[in-house]
C-alpha atoms as a PDB file:
ATOM      1  CA  UNK A   1      83.561 119.387 103.734  1.00  0.00           C
ATOM      2  CA  UNK A   2      82.925 117.692 100.514  1.00  0.00           C
ATOM      3  CA  UNK A   3      86.237 115.933 100.563  1.00  0.00           C
ATOM      4  CA  UNK A   4      85.262 113.822 103.630  1.00  0.00           C
ATOM      5  CA  UNK A   5      82.634 111.982 101.415  1.00  0.00           C
ATOM      6  CA  UNK A   6      85.145 111.669  98.662  1.00  0.00           C
ATOM      7  CA  UNK A   7      87.416 109.815 101.083  1.00  0.00           C
ATOM      8  CA  UNK A   8      84.600 107.559 102.163  1.00  0.00           C
ATOM      9  CA  UNK A   9      83.725 106.896  98.528  1.00  0.00           C
ATOM     10  CA  UNK A  10      87.311 106.221  97.379  1.00  0.00           C
ATOM     11  CA  UNK A  11      87.562 102.539  96.184  1.00  0.00           C
ATOM     12  CA  UNK A  12      90.692 101.885  98.169  1.00  0.00           C
ATOM     13  CA  UNK A  13      89.136 103.215 101.338  1.00  0.00           C
ATOM     14  CA  UNK A  14      86.007 101.196 100.794  1.00  0.00           C
ATOM     15  CA  UNK A  15      87.971  98.037 100.209  1.00  0.00           C
ATOM     16  CA  UNK A  16      90.224  98.553 103.152  1.00  0.00           C
ATOM     17  CA  UNK A  17      87.291  99.517 105.374  1.00  0.00           C
ATOM     18  CA  UNK A  18      85.485  96.396 104.386  1.00  0.00           C
ATOM     19  CA  UNK A  19      88.514  94.214 105.120  1.00  0.00           C
ATOM     20  CA  UNK A  20      88.815  95.748 108.594  1.00  0.00           C
ATOM     21  CA  UNK A  21      85.165  95.041 109.441  1.00  0.00           C
ATOM     22  CA  UNK A  22      85.541  91.533 108.257  1.00  0.00           C
ATOM     23  CA  UNK A  23      88.733  90.970 110.260  1.00  0.00           C
ATOM     24  CA  UNK A  24      87.233  92.469 113.410  1.00  0.00           C
ATOM     25  CA  UNK A  25      83.888  90.797 113.097  1.00  0.00           C
ATOM     26  CA  UNK A  26      84.457  88.776 116.331  1.00  0.00           C
ATOM     27  CA  UNK A  27      86.763  91.172 118.121  1.00  0.00           C
ATOM     28  CA  UNK A  28      85.792  91.850 121.536  1.00  0.00           C
ATOM     29  CA  UNK A  29      88.041  94.777 122.081  1.00  0.00           C
ATOM     30  CA  UNK A  30      87.866  98.321 120.487  1.00  0.00           C
ATOM     31  CA  UNK A  31      86.865  98.185 116.916  1.00  0.00           C
ATOM     32  CA  UNK A  32      88.153 100.287 114.135  1.00  0.00           C
ATOM     33  CA  UNK A  33      85.020 101.513 112.415  1.00  0.00           C
ATOM     34  CA  UNK A  34      83.479 104.756 111.247  1.00  0.00           C
ATOM     35  CA  UNK A  35      82.275 105.537 114.717  1.00  0.00           C
ATOM     36  CA  UNK A  36      85.830 105.392 116.013  1.00  0.00           C
ATOM     37  CA  UNK A  37      87.224 107.462 113.196  1.00  0.00           C
ATOM     38  CA  UNK A  38      84.537 110.125 113.655  1.00  0.00           C
ATOM     39  CA  UNK A  39      85.001 110.129 117.458  1.00  0.00           C
ATOM     40  CA  UNK A  40      88.623 110.841 116.970  1.00  0.00           C
ATOM     41  CA  UNK A  41      87.917 113.618 114.548  1.00  0.00           C
ATOM     42  CA  UNK A  42      85.456 115.189 116.840  1.00  0.00           C
ATOM     43  CA  UNK A  43      87.526 114.972 120.001  1.00  0.00           C
ATOM     44  CA  UNK A  44      90.623 116.280 118.050  1.00  0.00           C
ATOM     45  CA  UNK A  45      88.545 119.196 116.742  1.00  0.00           C
ATOM     46  CA  UNK A  46      87.303 119.940 120.267  1.00  0.00           C
ATOM     47  CA  UNK A  47      90.861 119.917 121.445  1.00  0.00           C
ATOM     48  CA  UNK A  48      91.885 122.373 118.654  1.00  0.00           C
ATOM     49  CA  UNK A  49      89.073 124.767 119.715  1.00  0.00           C
ATOM     50  CA  UNK A  50      89.707 124.570 123.509  1.00  0.00           C
ATOM     51  CA  UNK A  51      93.411 124.936 123.192  1.00  0.00           C
ATOM     52  CA  UNK A  52      93.156 127.673 120.535  1.00  0.00           C
ATOM     53  CA  UNK A  53      95.217 125.779 117.974  1.00  0.00           C
ATOM     54  CA  UNK A  54      95.475 126.871 114.352  1.00  0.00           C
ATOM     55  CA  UNK A  55      95.192 123.430 112.968  1.00  0.00           C
ATOM     56  CA  UNK A  56      93.014 123.026 109.837  1.00  0.00           C
ATOM     57  CA  UNK A  57      89.583 121.436 110.425  1.00  0.00           C
ATOM     58  CA  UNK A  58      89.754 119.545 107.141  1.00  0.00           C
ATOM     59  CA  UNK A  59      93.226 118.142 107.986  1.00  0.00           C
ATOM     60  CA  UNK A  60      91.930 116.970 111.355  1.00  0.00           C
ATOM     61  CA  UNK A  61      89.028 115.197 109.903  1.00  0.00           C
ATOM     62  CA  UNK A  62      91.059 113.659 106.991  1.00  0.00           C
ATOM     63  CA  UNK A  63      93.745 112.385 109.392  1.00  0.00           C
ATOM     64  CA  UNK A  64      91.151 110.850 111.686  1.00  0.00           C
ATOM     65  CA  UNK A  65      89.327 109.049 108.902  1.00  0.00           C
ATOM     66  CA  UNK A  66      92.576 107.627 107.563  1.00  0.00           C
ATOM     67  CA  UNK A  67      94.623 106.945 110.676  1.00  0.00           C
ATOM     68  CA  UNK A  68      93.612 103.374 111.074  1.00  0.00           C
ATOM     69  CA  UNK A  69      92.675 102.415 107.493  1.00  0.00           C
ATOM     70  CA  UNK A  70      95.654 100.055 107.248  1.00  0.00           C
ATOM     71  CA  UNK A  71      94.430  97.794 110.093  1.00  0.00           C
ATOM     72  CA  UNK A  72      93.577  94.950 107.803  1.00  0.00           C
ATOM     73  CA  UNK A  73      97.114  94.875 106.456  1.00  0.00           C
ATOM     74  CA  UNK A  74      98.406  94.610 109.901  1.00  0.00           C
ATOM     75  CA  UNK A  75      96.127  91.665 110.688  1.00  0.00           C
ATOM     76  CA  UNK A  76      96.629  89.849 107.319  1.00  0.00           C
ATOM     77  CA  UNK A  77     100.334  90.739 106.436  1.00  0.00           C
ATOM     78  CA  UNK A  78     101.901  91.882 109.809  1.00  0.00           C
ATOM     79  CA  UNK A  79     102.627  95.378 108.559  1.00  0.00           C
ATOM     80  CA  UNK A  80     102.329  97.970 111.310  1.00  0.00           C
ATOM     81  CA  UNK A  81      98.920  99.611 110.737  1.00  0.00           C
ATOM     82  CA  UNK A  82     100.462 103.232 110.914  1.00  0.00           C
ATOM     83  CA  UNK A  83     102.759 102.436 108.045  1.00  0.00           C
ATOM     84  CA  UNK A  84      99.961 100.763 106.004  1.00  0.00           C
ATOM     85  CA  UNK A  85      97.595 103.610 106.812  1.00  0.00           C
ATOM     86  CA  UNK A  86     100.076 106.208 105.740  1.00  0.00           C
ATOM     87  CA  UNK A  87     100.694 104.447 102.315  1.00  0.00           C
ATOM     88  CA  UNK A  88      96.955 104.141 101.741  1.00  0.00           C
ATOM     89  CA  UNK A  89      96.252 107.775 102.818  1.00  0.00           C
ATOM     90  CA  UNK A  90      98.908 109.038 100.438  1.00  0.00           C
ATOM     91  CA  UNK A  91      97.303 107.207  97.552  1.00  0.00           C
ATOM     92  CA  UNK A  92      93.808 108.332  98.464  1.00  0.00           C
ATOM     93  CA  UNK A  93      94.729 111.906  99.184  1.00  0.00           C
ATOM     94  CA  UNK A  94      96.744 112.286  95.925  1.00  0.00           C
ATOM     95  CA  UNK A  95      93.849 110.955  93.983  1.00  0.00           C
ATOM     96  CA  UNK A  96      91.673 113.674  95.543  1.00  0.00           C
ATOM     97  CA  UNK A  97      94.173 116.264  94.673  1.00  0.00           C
ATOM     98  CA  UNK A  98      94.966 117.419  98.073  1.00  0.00           C
ATOM     99  CA  UNK A  99      98.015 119.772  98.295  1.00  0.00           C
ATOM    100  CA  UNK A 100     101.324 118.180  98.945  1.00  0.00           C
ATOM    101  CA  UNK A 101     101.989 120.239 102.091  1.00  0.00           C
ATOM    102  CA  UNK A 102      98.627 119.128 103.606  1.00  0.00           C
ATOM    103  CA  UNK A 103      99.302 115.447 102.661  1.00  0.00           C
ATOM    104  CA  UNK A 104     102.752 115.473 104.273  1.00  0.00           C
ATOM    105  CA  UNK A 105     101.256 116.982 107.507  1.00  0.00           C
ATOM    106  CA  UNK A 106      98.451 114.282 107.474  1.00  0.00           C
ATOM    107  CA  UNK A 107     100.945 111.366 106.724  1.00  0.00           C
ATOM    108  CA  UNK A 108     103.258 112.534 109.450  1.00  0.00           C
ATOM    109  CA  UNK A 109     100.465 112.496 112.017  1.00  0.00           C
ATOM    110  CA  UNK A 110      99.334 109.094 110.869  1.00  0.00           C
ATOM    111  CA  UNK A 111     102.786 107.502 110.988  1.00  0.00           C
ATOM    112  CA  UNK A 112     103.312 108.843 114.518  1.00  0.00           C
ATOM    113  CA  UNK A 113      99.838 108.306 115.946  1.00  0.00           C
ATOM    114  CA  UNK A 114     100.904 105.339 118.127  1.00  0.00           C
ATOM    115  CA  UNK A 115     103.908 107.008 119.698  1.00  0.00           C
ATOM    116  CA  UNK A 116     103.449 108.600 123.059  1.00  0.00           C
ATOM    117  CA  UNK A 117     103.299 112.356 122.794  1.00  0.00           C
ATOM    118  CA  UNK A 118     103.726 115.054 125.428  1.00  0.00           C
ATOM    119  CA  UNK A 119     100.367 115.929 126.968  1.00  0.00           C
ATOM    120  CA  UNK A 120     100.463 119.439 125.383  1.00  0.00           C
ATOM    121  CA  UNK A 121     101.864 118.459 121.938  1.00  0.00           C
ATOM    122  CA  UNK A 122      99.878 120.886 119.780  1.00  0.00           C
ATOM    123  CA  UNK A 123     100.723 119.401 116.444  1.00  0.00           C
ATOM    124  CA  UNK A 124      98.217 117.411 114.267  1.00  0.00           C
ATOM    125  CA  UNK A 125     100.004 114.256 115.391  1.00  0.00           C
ATOM    126  CA  UNK A 126      99.808 115.308 119.008  1.00  0.00           C
ATOM    127  CA  UNK A 127      96.122 115.860 119.037  1.00  0.00           C
ATOM    128  CA  UNK A 128      95.474 112.835 116.922  1.00  0.00           C
ATOM    129  CA  UNK A 129      97.295 110.745 119.514  1.00  0.00           C
ATOM    130  CA  UNK A 130      95.482 112.203 122.371  1.00  0.00           C
ATOM    131  CA  UNK A 131      92.025 112.057 120.679  1.00  0.00           C
ATOM    132  CA  UNK A 132      92.731 108.409 119.628  1.00  0.00           C
ATOM    133  CA  UNK A 133      93.372 107.476 123.240  1.00  0.00           C
ATOM    134  CA  UNK A 134      90.475 109.468 124.712  1.00  0.00           C
ATOM    135  CA  UNK A 135      88.020 107.916 122.224  1.00  0.00           C
ATOM    136  CA  UNK A 136      88.310 104.597 123.879  1.00  0.00           C
ATOM    137  CA  UNK A 137      85.905 103.879 126.658  1.00  0.00           C
ATOM    138  CA  UNK A 138      88.147 101.585 128.718  1.00  0.00           C
ATOM    139  CA  UNK A 139      86.285 102.666 131.876  1.00  0.00           C
ATOM    140  CA  UNK A 140      83.179 100.864 130.610  1.00  0.00           C
ATOM    141  CA  UNK A 141      84.788  98.047 128.500  1.00  0.00           C
ATOM    142  CA  UNK A 142      83.400  94.463 129.064  1.00  0.00           C
ATOM    143  CA  UNK A 143      86.663  92.962 127.973  1.00  0.00           C
ATOM    144  CA  UNK A 144      88.950  95.217 130.015  1.00  0.00           C
ATOM    145  CA  UNK A 145      90.260  92.357 132.145  1.00  0.00           C
ATOM    146  CA  UNK A 146      91.760  90.596 129.168  1.00  0.00           C
ATOM    147  CA  UNK A 147      92.982  93.671 127.217  1.00  0.00           C
ATOM    148  CA  UNK A 148      96.684  93.775 126.598  1.00  0.00           C
ATOM    149  CA  UNK A 149      97.001  97.464 126.516  1.00  0.00           C
ATOM    150  CA  UNK A 150      99.309  98.750 129.262  1.00  0.00           C
ATOM    151  CA  UNK A 151      97.408 100.435 132.156  1.00  0.00           C
ATOM    152  CA  UNK A 152      99.104 103.855 131.482  1.00  0.00           C
ATOM    153  CA  UNK A 153      97.595 103.882 127.972  1.00  0.00           C
ATOM    154  CA  UNK A 154      94.075 102.944 128.909  1.00  0.00           C
ATOM    155  CA  UNK A 155      91.389 105.580 129.223  1.00  0.00           C
ATOM    156  CA  UNK A 156      90.162 104.515 132.613  1.00  0.00           C
ATOM    157  CA  UNK A 157      88.464 107.775 133.568  1.00  0.00           C
ATOM    158  CA  UNK A 158      85.599 109.711 131.974  1.00  0.00           C
ATOM    159  CA  UNK A 159      86.955 113.178 131.409  1.00  0.00           C
ATOM    160  CA  UNK A 160      85.330 116.312 129.884  1.00  0.00           C
END
């Protein structure tokens, strides 16, 4: 998927990614780095395969790469990161000439990725939400005792 590298090379993505890494340099909790983005993509793609969903692989990976890219704007300006991420994703995807229908599906998933979904929500947003939560190794986190995530959102068990 050539477009994945085009996203990573996009100037807005690179600038935002660098700002996130600088802002989270001393963060002891889950970080928002390329490892996290790819973990979310791979978990979502596994869910798609295991559940027999018809979701597009490219859309899954694009959504995962872009879902937290607005984190620095949340830290610096107080803008919810799902909103900032959707705005940045729209600009990046349009620059890469992604089809409008695919862009809207991706943006909808990004905007809604923090809202609880039903466990079997088969939409792109549903698997993004589930993959994002499962990507977190709360069960092995050294900072778990001071984490402010609600217990029902923590990934406290290793699951296949």
